[in-house]
Amino acid sequence: MANDYFSFRHFTVNQEKAVFKVGTDGVLLGACADLAGAETILDIGTGTGLIAIMTAQRSDAFITAIEPDKDSYDQAMENVLACKWTERIKVIKTDLREYSAGNEERFDLIITNPPYFRDSLRNPDEKKSIARHTFSLSSADILEASSKLLTNEGSLQLILPYDEGTLFIAEAASCSFFCSIIIKVKPTPAGKILRMIMKFERTKRPVHEKYLTIETGARHQYTEEYKEVTKEFYLKL
């Protein structure tokens, strides 16, 4: 059973109410996203508020974090109000479709750790099912909202499993969003690519591709590159 809280170097994430707890995907995206030049950020499906808080720590941006689930929204509000950067983070209880339809603000960056199980059996826990399956937030929803809510020079950044990420790259291109950065994440040097952290822009550029390996091969023995990426967040690295 997950702990009710997760302590980072500069903040604590309470998570007893949230549908999903702090996980490696969220930490990786929050730590690795390209925030250069971003003055306004939209975090879609903020959950505990983790990514919103991490991007606030790494930048001077103003962040809007949206979350449709009531318990997760309450949890995100609690965590944001307790962090050092609360004045730059706004949490709104809404889903992406509703927010996009009623909002005229434009963002320099849209960031999300989205649901990704396209065809698998739904979790019997309805809240977890909604959070993990694309019927609640599809790639089409994300791309349509990005087209409307991003500035002309803005970017969409997200983390997905390898297969889903490959599909998303093709879907994004059909909507005139082009992948410019891919970080391919491996659990160990000999392991398969399990995740891709991707940046999409309206302008087509050569794709900058790199790898990030989490562990050396021994359990909980982390690579120097992973330590470097996460050292401002994890307490014990």
Foldseek 3Di string as FASTA:
>chain_A
DDDQWDAWPQFIFGQPQFPDDDDPFLLCLLLPPDCPPWQEEEEAACQQVSSVLSVVVVDVHQYEYEHQDPSSLVNNVVRLVPGPRNVRYHYYHDHLVVDLVPDQAATQEYEYAAAQDEDDDADPPVVNSLRRYCVNPPLVSVLVSNVRRYDQFHKYKYKDFPVSVVVSQVVNVVSQWHWAEWEFEAQEPPGDGTMIITIIHNDDDHHHYYYDYAAHPDPPHGDPRNCVSCVNIHPPD
